[in-house]
Every structure is written in structure tokens, then in C-alpha cells.
Amino acid sequence: MNINLTPEQERIVNDELRLGHFRSAEEVIAKALVVLRESERSSVAGDSNGRYQAAVRDMLDFVEENRTPLQGASVKQLIREGHRL
């Protein structure tokens, strides 16, 4: 397989080689693919939970920063309403 790299991608590969982190361009690409695969796996595994936790944090931060009374509504209800819109 032949691939074409952008000038920026080629610079990154050459920098990694120059710094001695890898012995060949193939090693750089192989490592990048491993990192990509690991990132995708962790992203898929924690994506929905991670997004939910981030939404809860954002909502709590908003409530605290704006001193917004929840008036009996839970953060969970507010998040669901926000997703509905």
C-alpha cells in the first residue's frame, strides 16, 4: 500500500525520526495506527457514559455559576430536556 502524506504529516514523521523516537517511517505509522485503534476502543466504550458525565458537569457548573435555582427539577431532567430540543 502506498500513501501520500500532507507536508504537515511528513514533518511530524521526520521530526519523530530525527528525535530518535522511531527507527523508520513505518514504525511511526504503525504506532499511530495502534494509538488510533486504542483511542477508538476507549471512545466507544466510554462515549455515552463520558458524554453523560460531561453533560452533568456542565449543567452543575452552569447552575453554580449563575446561581440558578432548580426549583424541584433534577439535573437529569434538565439534561434530558436539553437533549430533546
Foldseek 3Di string as FASTA:
>chain_A
DDDDDDPVVVVVLVVCVVVVVDVDSVVVVVVVVVVVVVVVVVCVVCVVVVVVVVQLVVQVVVCVVVVPDPVPDDSVNVSVVVVVD
